[in-house]
Amino acid sequence: GIAMEAEYENTVSWLGGDNGADTILVGGYKPFSWGKNTIGFRTLLATTFNGNPDETNLFPLGGFMNLTAFAPGQLTGNHGGVLTAIYYHRIAGDRQYLTEMPIYLGGTIEAGNVWNNWDDVSLSELKWSSSLFVGIDTVLGPTYLGMGLGSNGATSAFLNIGQLF
């Protein structure tokens, strides 16, 4: 399958919004599976325009598959995006049996950044991140435990429970 998302937001000043700025976010994810292996590609892009953007309009990056080595929301800006490649391999379990939860080993490679001014957006300023993780398909949803390493020595450890997208 494929997952896609699109979001438009306008903080209309005459309805109580402070700045009247417009925000657009688009993203998608496409996995390719063969046997016990899956590779997927995910993209997420956002921009804020018009009005006077403030902290409520900032696009956050950080956290699993959004430049994993950085803390969730550590990087924020009016414009940004991230491209993620994820690979995982089922090492145990089977989806057919409730008593055998599938267990996966995997990793990601990610590139992205955020900028406050459109004129500053540049591929040369992309930050990178990577991660290694163990994933389990639980009754609470997918659960991931792992660590990330990224630009400028950024590191993280994470535990995510539930659907990511």
Protein backbone atom coordinates (compact mmCIF):
# COMPACT_ATOMS: atom_id res chain seq x y z
CA GLY A 1 0.00 0.00 0.00
CA ILE A 2 0.81 3.64 0.21
CA ALA A 3 0.04 6.26 2.84
CA MET A 4 -0.36 9.92 1.95
CA GLU A 5 -1.24 12.99 3.97
CA ALA A 6 -2.00 16.60 3.15
CA GLU A 7 -2.86 19.35 5.60
CA TYR A 8 -3.71 23.02 5.16
CA GLU A 9 -4.09 25.36 8.11
CA ASN A 10 -5.04 29.03 8.25
CA THR A 11 -5.14 30.92 11.52
CA VAL A 12 -7.74 33.42 10.42
CA SER A 13 -7.39 36.58 12.48
CA TRP A 14 -11.09 37.50 12.40
CA LEU A 15 -11.90 34.13 14.08
CA GLY A 16 -9.43 34.73 16.91
CA GLY A 17 -6.18 33.69 15.24
CA ASP A 18 -3.21 35.90 16.03
CA ASN A 19 -1.45 36.08 12.71
CA GLY A 20 -3.46 34.89 9.69
CA ALA A 21 -0.59 32.69 8.46
CA ASP A 22 -1.11 29.73 6.11
CA THR A 23 0.61 26.37 6.66
CA ILE A 24 0.77 23.47 4.21
CA LEU A 25 2.11 20.01 5.06
CA VAL A 26 2.34 17.08 2.61
CA GLY A 27 3.82 13.65 3.11
CA GLY A 28 3.80 10.08 1.97
CA TYR A 29 5.14 6.61 2.71
CA LYS A 30 5.62 3.70 0.30
CA PRO A 31 6.89 0.29 1.49
CA PHE A 32 8.22 -2.53 -0.68
CA SER A 33 8.23 -6.03 0.85
CA TRP A 34 9.71 -9.35 -0.19
CA GLY A 35 9.84 -12.38 2.07
CA LYS A 36 10.77 -11.23 5.58
CA ASN A 37 12.21 -7.90 4.35
CA THR A 38 10.68 -4.47 3.90
CA ILE A 39 12.20 -1.24 2.64
CA GLY A 40 10.16 1.94 2.75
CA PHE A 41 10.55 5.54 1.70
CA ARG A 42 8.88 8.39 3.56
CA THR A 43 8.80 12.11 2.88
CA LEU A 44 7.35 15.01 4.83
CA LEU A 45 7.43 18.65 3.65
CA ALA A 46 5.94 21.76 5.25
CA THR A 47 5.89 25.49 4.65
CA THR A 48 4.31 28.54 6.26
CA PHE A 49 3.49 31.62 4.22
CA ASN A 50 1.42 34.80 4.31
CA GLY A 51 0.65 36.67 7.50
CA ASN A 52 3.07 36.77 10.41
CA PRO A 53 4.08 33.22 11.35
CA ASP A 54 4.78 32.63 15.04
CA GLU A 55 5.69 29.61 17.18
CA THR A 56 2.31 27.97 16.57
CA ASN A 57 3.11 27.72 12.85
CA LEU A 58 6.57 26.18 13.23
CA PHE A 59 7.26 22.81 11.60
CA PRO A 60 8.95 20.50 14.15
CA LEU A 61 11.54 17.84 13.33
CA GLY A 62 13.11 15.27 15.62
CA GLY A 63 12.04 11.89 16.91
CA PHE A 64 11.79 8.50 15.23
CA MET A 65 11.89 8.78 11.41
CA ASN A 66 11.94 12.61 11.59
CA LEU A 67 15.71 12.98 12.09
CA THR A 68 15.78 10.35 14.84
CA ALA A 69 19.04 11.51 16.49
CA PHE A 70 17.35 14.76 17.51
CA ALA A 71 14.72 15.02 20.27
CA PRO A 72 11.10 15.42 19.12
CA GLY A 73 10.58 19.11 18.26
CA GLN A 74 14.26 19.98 18.83
CA LEU A 75 14.45 21.51 15.33
CA THR A 76 11.72 23.98 14.34
CA GLY A 77 11.22 26.40 11.48
CA ASN A 78 8.70 27.95 9.10
CA HIS A 79 9.85 25.70 6.23
CA GLY A 80 11.25 22.20 6.36
CA GLY A 81 11.21 18.63 5.31
CA VAL A 82 12.65 15.19 5.82
CA LEU A 83 13.28 12.20 3.58
CA THR A 84 13.59 8.81 5.30
CA ALA A 85 14.59 5.37 4.05
CA ILE A 86 13.70 2.55 6.45
CA TYR A 87 14.65 -1.11 6.26
CA TYR A 88 13.53 -3.89 8.58
CA HIS A 89 13.74 -7.68 8.63
CA ARG A 90 11.39 -10.01 10.53
CA ILE A 91 13.52 -12.21 12.77
CA ALA A 92 10.75 -14.02 14.68
CA GLY A 93 7.02 -14.46 14.99
CA ASP A 94 4.22 -14.58 12.48
CA ARG A 95 1.22 -12.31 11.98
CA GLN A 96 -1.04 -15.37 11.62
CA TYR A 97 -0.78 -16.32 15.30
CA LEU A 98 -1.77 -14.06 18.21
CA THR A 99 0.70 -15.82 20.50
CA GLU A 100 3.66 -15.15 18.19
CA MET A 101 4.20 -11.41 17.96
CA PRO A 102 6.44 -10.54 14.99
CA ILE A 103 9.84 -9.12 15.98
CA TYR A 104 11.89 -7.00 13.58
CA LEU A 105 15.42 -5.61 13.38
CA GLY A 106 15.82 -2.48 11.32
CA GLY A 107 17.38 0.85 10.64
CA THR A 108 16.78 4.22 9.05
CA ILE A 109 18.75 6.78 7.08
CA GLU A 110 17.27 10.29 7.14
CA ALA A 111 18.07 13.72 5.71
CA GLY A 112 16.21 16.97 6.36
CA ASN A 113 16.21 20.33 8.06
CA VAL A 114 14.11 23.35 8.94
CA TRP A 115 14.56 27.02 8.04
CA ASN A 116 12.87 30.21 9.19
CA ASN A 117 13.24 32.06 5.87
CA TRP A 118 12.44 30.63 2.44
CA ASP A 119 15.58 32.25 0.99
CA ASP A 120 17.73 30.19 3.41
CA VAL A 121 16.39 26.79 2.23
CA SER A 122 19.37 24.88 0.82
CA LEU A 123 20.25 21.24 0.20
CA SER A 124 23.77 22.02 1.40
CA GLU A 125 22.38 22.62 4.90
CA LEU A 126 20.64 19.25 5.25
CA LYS A 127 21.16 17.45 8.53
CA TRP A 128 21.43 13.67 8.54
CA SER A 129 20.41 11.04 11.00
CA SER A 130 20.36 7.25 11.23
CA SER A 131 18.94 4.73 13.64
CA LEU A 132 19.00 1.08 14.60
CA PHE A 133 15.94 -0.43 16.26
CA VAL A 134 14.08 -3.52 17.38
CA GLY A 135 10.37 -3.50 16.56
CA ILE A 136 7.58 -5.69 17.91
CA ASP A 137 4.03 -5.89 16.57
CA THR A 138 2.09 -5.81 19.88
CA VAL A 139 -1.61 -5.63 20.72
CA LEU A 140 -0.98 -1.94 21.61
CA GLY A 141 0.40 -1.34 18.13
CA PRO A 142 3.94 -1.30 16.78
CA THR A 143 6.57 -0.81 19.48
CA TYR A 144 10.08 0.41 18.64
CA LEU A 145 13.15 0.51 20.88
CA GLY A 146 16.34 1.92 19.45
CA MET A 147 19.02 4.54 19.20
CA GLY A 148 19.89 7.28 16.75
CA LEU A 149 23.06 9.02 15.59
CA GLY A 150 23.13 12.20 13.53
CA SER A 151 24.74 15.45 12.44
CA ASN A 152 27.01 17.34 14.81
CA GLY A 153 27.22 14.35 17.18
CA ALA A 154 23.49 14.29 17.97
CA THR A 155 22.41 11.04 19.66
CA SER A 156 19.18 9.66 21.05
CA ALA A 157 17.56 6.61 22.55
CA PHE A 158 13.86 6.05 21.99
CA LEU A 159 10.87 3.91 22.85
CA ASN A 160 7.76 4.45 20.71
CA ILE A 161 4.51 2.62 21.34
CA GLY A 162 1.65 2.83 18.86
CA GLN A 163 1.12 3.90 15.28
CA LEU A 164 3.60 6.46 13.96
CA PHE A 165 1.68 7.54 10.84
